Amino acid sequence: MATTSAPAARASSRTPAAARAATPLPAYVLHSYDWSETSLIVELFTRSQGRLVVAAKGAKRPTSQLRGVLLPFQPLQVLLGKAPADEQAEIFNLRSAEWLGGSPLLAPAALMAGFYVNELLLKLLARQDPHPGLFDAYAAALAALGALGEGQTESVALRAFELSLLHELGLLPDLAQDTQTAQPLQAQARYQLLADGGLQAVPVAAREGLPGSAWTGIAAALLHGAPAALQAACAPVAGALRVPLRGLLHYHLGHATLRTRQVLQGLQKLAAPRPAQETTA
């Protein structure tokens, strides 16, 4: 039987008693960078404690099992040391980490989308601010990206996650009513989402925005809280949601620039066909 490689199942076989007594946290790695020659600083997204910064001591040593565990886009279970004495530091010690499995590795075509989602969390989510619903939405987005088949795009997974993120942070207007009039949406009327004006009616002939029925379907899925329901609501209108949601995100990001967007635009320029150069005899 063929076997597939996977991150190491356990980061440490000698877990201190204090760590064993601690509560394990479901987590994902959002970002990591060098701390010393042998250690890393790791940004984690946990379900019960939100975004945390941890010191992974010795993680870069060849013999450290953490080298094969602290990977992005993979579900982990971590144990942390005591809270830092200096509350301003906000850095916990990582005692151990365990790979939970069950999540496929992202294909190269989906990696940029995964890094984009991670960057949104790093820039918009405050540290130690738990959002269990957003954690579940993130896990669902990774699962959808990991399951993309040939010819499928990441748009549905990304639009559903963007909506969940904005909703959880209180940055999304009520999608079941007109922001200007505070009246319920009419199913056949069309409404556009403006970064600085909320949801507003537009003339049907203008073909801008989305029908009221699409917005109320998304609002109901957000209220339901099931990531699969939200992805299903986004699927028919994912293309039309891209511009208004990106506009709303950039509005709240302020002057912060998304590096993943810059990298993607650079790659698109490189891949674009170049005009034929004139030759001279």
Protein backbone atom coordinates (compact mmCIF):
# COMPACT_ATOMS: atom_id res chain seq x y z
CA MET A 1 0.00 0.00 0.00
CA ALA A 2 1.36 3.41 -0.96
CA THR A 3 1.84 5.88 1.83
CA THR A 4 1.96 9.66 1.73
CA SER A 5 4.36 11.82 3.66
CA ALA A 6 2.93 13.96 6.45
CA PRO A 7 4.23 16.30 9.13
CA ALA A 8 5.56 14.60 12.22
CA ALA A 9 2.79 13.43 14.50
CA ARG A 10 4.22 14.82 17.73
CA ALA A 11 6.62 17.67 18.32
CA SER A 12 8.05 16.54 21.63
CA SER A 13 8.15 13.20 23.42
CA ARG A 14 9.22 14.86 26.64
CA THR A 15 6.39 17.20 27.42
CA PRO A 16 6.73 18.86 30.85
CA ALA A 17 4.05 18.13 33.42
CA ALA A 18 2.86 21.75 33.34
CA ALA A 19 2.34 21.54 29.58
CA ARG A 20 0.51 18.24 29.80
CA ALA A 21 -1.88 19.79 32.30
CA ALA A 22 -2.51 22.78 30.01
CA THR A 23 -5.43 22.88 27.62
CA PRO A 24 -4.48 21.97 24.03
CA LEU A 25 -5.49 24.55 21.45
CA PRO A 26 -6.58 23.89 17.86
CA ALA A 27 -4.40 26.17 15.75
CA TYR A 28 -3.01 27.07 12.34
CA VAL A 29 0.30 28.70 11.46
CA LEU A 30 -0.22 32.08 9.79
CA HIS A 31 3.40 33.23 9.56
CA SER A 32 6.83 32.52 10.99
CA TYR A 33 10.22 34.19 10.93
CA ASP A 34 13.68 33.65 12.37
CA TRP A 35 14.23 34.55 16.01
CA SER A 36 17.73 33.14 16.41
CA GLU A 37 19.94 30.58 14.72
CA THR A 38 17.84 27.76 16.14
CA SER A 39 14.43 29.27 16.98
CA LEU A 40 11.39 30.81 15.30
CA ILE A 41 8.72 33.34 16.14
CA VAL A 42 5.40 31.96 14.94
CA GLU A 43 2.05 33.70 14.46
CA LEU A 44 -0.72 31.24 15.29
CA PHE A 45 -4.47 31.47 14.75
CA THR A 46 -6.20 29.53 17.55
CA ARG A 47 -9.87 28.82 17.99
CA SER A 48 -10.25 29.82 21.63
CA GLN A 49 -7.60 32.52 22.04
CA GLY A 50 -7.46 34.13 18.62
CA ARG A 51 -4.19 35.23 17.06
CA LEU A 52 -1.17 34.46 19.23
CA VAL A 53 2.56 34.97 18.89
CA VAL A 54 4.72 32.11 20.19
CA ALA A 55 8.43 31.41 20.48
CA ALA A 56 9.29 28.01 19.03
CA LYS A 57 12.65 27.41 20.68
CA GLY A 58 14.95 25.02 18.86
CA ALA A 59 12.49 24.58 15.99
CA LYS A 60 15.23 25.05 13.38
CA ARG A 61 17.51 22.35 14.77
CA PRO A 62 17.83 19.32 12.46
CA THR A 63 16.66 17.03 15.26
CA SER A 64 13.61 19.12 16.21
CA GLN A 65 10.32 17.51 15.28
CA LEU A 66 8.79 20.99 15.13
CA ARG A 67 10.52 21.43 11.76
CA GLY A 68 7.97 19.12 10.20
CA VAL A 69 4.97 20.37 12.15
CA LEU A 70 4.91 24.17 11.99
CA LEU A 71 3.62 24.34 8.44
CA PRO A 72 1.01 26.77 7.11
CA PHE A 73 -2.48 25.56 6.12
CA GLN A 74 -2.30 22.43 8.27
CA PRO A 75 -4.45 21.82 11.39
CA LEU A 76 -2.43 21.65 14.60
CA GLN A 77 -2.98 21.14 18.28
CA VAL A 78 -0.58 23.18 20.40
CA LEU A 79 0.33 23.51 24.06
CA LEU A 80 1.61 26.82 25.34
CA GLY A 81 3.70 27.79 28.33
CA LYS A 82 2.62 30.32 30.92
CA ALA A 83 1.48 33.74 29.81
CA PRO A 84 4.39 36.19 29.46
CA ALA A 85 5.25 38.14 32.60
CA ASP A 86 5.44 41.30 30.50
CA GLU A 87 1.95 41.75 29.05
CA GLN A 88 3.34 44.13 26.44
CA ALA A 89 5.49 41.34 25.00
CA GLU A 90 2.51 39.08 24.16
CA ILE A 91 4.85 36.21 23.29
CA PHE A 92 4.10 32.74 24.65
CA ASN A 93 6.47 29.81 24.69
CA LEU A 94 5.43 26.94 22.46
CA ARG A 95 5.73 23.75 24.52
CA SER A 96 4.57 21.25 21.90
CA ALA A 97 2.64 20.94 18.66
CA GLU A 98 0.82 18.01 17.11
CA TRP A 99 -0.33 17.65 13.53
CA LEU A 100 -4.01 16.67 13.43
CA GLY A 101 -4.09 15.49 9.81
CA GLY A 102 -7.14 15.26 7.61
CA SER A 103 -6.31 18.32 5.48
CA PRO A 104 -4.81 18.01 2.00
CA LEU A 105 -1.78 20.08 1.08
CA LEU A 106 -2.69 23.07 -1.07
CA ALA A 107 -1.82 22.70 -4.72
CA PRO A 108 0.54 25.33 -6.17
CA ALA A 109 -2.39 27.09 -7.87
CA ALA A 110 -4.14 27.58 -4.50
CA LEU A 111 -1.12 28.61 -2.44
CA MET A 112 -1.37 32.31 -3.26
CA ALA A 113 -5.02 32.31 -2.20
CA GLY A 114 -4.02 30.66 1.08
CA PHE A 115 -1.32 33.25 1.76
CA TYR A 116 -3.81 36.01 0.92
CA VAL A 117 -6.24 34.69 3.54
CA ASN A 118 -3.43 34.47 6.10
CA GLU A 119 -2.36 38.04 5.39
CA LEU A 120 -5.91 39.32 5.91
CA LEU A 121 -5.96 37.73 9.37
CA LEU A 122 -2.55 39.13 10.26
CA LYS A 123 -3.51 42.66 9.24
CA LEU A 124 -7.11 42.85 10.48
CA LEU A 125 -7.34 40.54 13.50
CA ALA A 126 -6.13 41.88 16.84
CA ARG A 127 -3.98 39.61 18.98
CA GLN A 128 -5.67 37.53 21.68
CA ASP A 129 -9.13 38.37 20.30
CA PRO A 130 -10.94 35.03 19.91
CA HIS A 131 -13.35 34.47 17.03
CA PRO A 132 -14.35 30.77 17.02
CA GLY A 133 -16.72 31.30 14.09
CA LEU A 134 -13.97 32.91 12.04
CA PHE A 135 -11.63 30.04 12.90
CA ASP A 136 -14.21 27.61 11.51
CA ALA A 137 -14.64 29.77 8.40
CA TYR A 138 -10.86 29.76 7.91
CA ALA A 139 -10.72 25.97 8.20
CA ALA A 140 -13.58 25.69 5.69
CA ALA A 141 -11.79 28.03 3.27
CA LEU A 142 -8.62 25.91 3.43
CA ALA A 143 -10.65 22.73 2.90
CA ALA A 144 -12.34 24.26 -0.15
CA LEU A 145 -9.00 25.44 -1.56
CA GLY A 146 -7.49 22.02 -0.98
CA ALA A 147 -10.35 20.32 -2.82
CA LEU A 148 -10.24 22.44 -5.97
CA GLY A 149 -10.42 20.35 -9.11
CA GLU A 150 -9.09 21.09 -12.57
CA GLY A 151 -10.77 24.14 -14.03
CA GLN A 152 -12.16 25.31 -10.69
CA THR A 153 -11.17 28.65 -9.18
CA GLU A 154 -10.67 29.80 -5.61
CA SER A 155 -13.23 32.63 -5.91
CA VAL A 156 -16.06 30.99 -3.93
CA ALA A 157 -13.80 30.03 -1.02
CA LEU A 158 -12.24 33.51 -0.91
CA ARG A 159 -15.51 35.45 -1.15
CA ALA A 160 -17.08 33.36 1.63
CA PHE A 161 -14.06 33.90 3.87
CA GLU A 162 -13.91 37.64 3.17
CA LEU A 163 -17.58 37.94 4.12
CA SER A 164 -17.03 35.93 7.32
CA LEU A 165 -14.03 38.05 8.26
CA LEU A 166 -15.82 41.36 7.72
CA HIS A 167 -18.92 40.09 9.53
CA GLU A 168 -17.00 38.76 12.55
CA LEU A 169 -15.09 42.03 12.93
CA GLY A 170 -18.23 44.15 12.68
CA LEU A 171 -17.13 45.75 9.41
CA LEU A 172 -19.93 44.42 7.21
CA PRO A 173 -23.22 46.32 6.94
CA ASP A 174 -26.52 44.51 7.36
CA LEU A 175 -26.97 42.75 4.03
CA ALA A 176 -30.70 42.26 4.59
CA GLN A 177 -31.59 45.97 4.42
CA ASP A 178 -30.88 49.12 2.47
CA THR A 179 -28.30 51.08 4.47
CA GLN A 180 -29.75 54.47 3.49
CA THR A 181 -33.42 53.73 4.19
CA ALA A 182 -33.06 50.89 6.75
CA GLN A 183 -35.81 49.10 4.80
CA PRO A 184 -35.74 45.39 3.90
CA LEU A 185 -34.35 44.61 0.47
CA GLN A 186 -36.70 43.94 -2.42
CA ALA A 187 -35.91 40.61 -4.04
CA GLN A 188 -35.87 41.86 -7.66
CA ALA A 189 -34.30 45.26 -7.01
CA ARG A 190 -30.54 45.67 -7.34
CA TYR A 191 -28.16 46.91 -4.67
CA GLN A 192 -24.45 47.68 -4.64
CA LEU A 193 -22.09 47.46 -1.68
CA LEU A 194 -20.06 50.64 -1.23
CA ALA A 195 -17.07 50.85 1.09
CA ASP A 196 -18.17 54.17 2.56
CA GLY A 197 -21.92 53.94 2.07
CA GLY A 198 -23.06 50.40 2.79
CA LEU A 199 -25.70 48.65 0.72
CA GLN A 200 -27.54 51.04 -1.63
CA ALA A 201 -30.16 50.62 -4.32
CA VAL A 202 -29.18 51.17 -7.95
CA PRO A 203 -31.34 51.35 -11.07
CA VAL A 204 -32.08 47.90 -12.44
CA ALA A 205 -31.15 49.08 -15.93
CA ALA A 206 -27.65 49.96 -14.72
CA ARG A 207 -26.88 46.26 -14.17
CA GLU A 208 -24.67 47.15 -11.22
CA GLY A 209 -24.65 45.34 -7.91
CA LEU A 210 -26.66 42.21 -7.11
CA PRO A 211 -30.36 41.41 -6.75
CA GLY A 212 -31.80 41.83 -3.27
CA SER A 213 -32.48 38.09 -3.16
CA ALA A 214 -28.74 37.36 -3.50
CA TRP A 215 -27.83 39.74 -0.66
CA THR A 216 -30.52 38.39 1.66
CA GLY A 217 -29.39 34.83 0.90
CA ILE A 218 -25.85 35.75 1.93
CA ALA A 219 -27.18 37.51 5.05
CA ALA A 220 -29.15 34.40 6.03
CA ALA A 221 -26.09 32.19 5.55
CA LEU A 222 -23.99 34.52 7.73
CA LEU A 223 -26.68 34.42 10.40
CA HIS A 224 -26.82 30.61 10.19
CA GLY A 225 -23.08 30.46 10.78
CA ALA A 226 -22.37 27.37 8.66
CA PRO A 227 -19.40 27.93 6.30
CA ALA A 228 -20.82 25.46 3.77
CA ALA A 229 -24.08 27.42 3.60
CA LEU A 230 -22.19 30.66 3.02
CA GLN A 231 -20.08 29.12 0.27
CA ALA A 232 -23.27 27.86 -1.40
CA ALA A 233 -24.82 31.35 -1.20
CA CYS A 234 -21.69 32.90 -2.72
CA ALA A 235 -21.26 30.38 -5.54
CA PRO A 236 -23.73 31.92 -8.07
CA VAL A 237 -22.46 35.48 -7.54
CA ALA A 238 -18.79 35.02 -6.59
CA GLY A 239 -17.53 36.94 -9.61
CA ALA A 240 -19.74 39.95 -8.88
CA LEU A 241 -18.74 39.98 -5.19
CA ARG A 242 -15.01 40.30 -5.84
CA VAL A 243 -14.79 44.03 -6.50
CA PRO A 244 -17.12 45.31 -3.70
CA LEU A 245 -15.60 43.02 -1.07
CA ARG A 246 -12.03 43.92 -2.05
CA GLY A 247 -13.03 47.58 -1.93
CA LEU A 248 -14.49 47.20 1.55
CA LEU A 249 -11.41 45.34 2.78
CA HIS A 250 -9.00 47.94 1.42
CA TYR A 251 -11.14 50.69 2.93
CA HIS A 252 -10.68 49.18 6.40
CA LEU A 253 -7.04 48.26 5.82
CA GLY A 254 -6.28 51.95 5.32
CA HIS A 255 -2.80 52.47 3.95
CA ALA A 256 -1.73 48.89 4.63
CA THR A 257 -0.74 47.16 1.40
CA LEU A 258 -1.36 43.48 0.86
CA ARG A 259 1.91 41.90 -0.22
CA THR A 260 0.11 38.90 -1.70
CA ARG A 261 -1.80 41.21 -4.05
CA GLN A 262 1.45 42.86 -5.13
CA VAL A 263 3.10 39.49 -5.77
CA LEU A 264 0.09 38.22 -7.73
CA GLN A 265 -0.03 41.36 -9.87
CA GLY A 266 3.68 40.96 -10.57
CA LEU A 267 3.20 37.36 -11.62
CA GLN A 268 0.29 38.31 -13.87
CA LYS A 269 2.45 40.91 -15.59
CA LEU A 270 5.19 38.36 -16.16
CA ALA A 271 2.70 35.87 -17.57
CA ALA A 272 1.01 38.40 -19.86
CA PRO A 273 1.94 38.03 -23.54
CA ARG A 274 4.37 40.70 -24.68
CA PRO A 275 3.78 42.62 -27.90
CA ALA A 276 5.92 41.45 -30.76
CA GLN A 277 9.04 43.54 -31.17
CA GLU A 278 9.75 45.09 -34.51
CA THR A 279 12.80 43.78 -36.28
CA THR A 280 14.99 45.60 -38.75
CA ALA A 281 16.78 44.02 -41.64
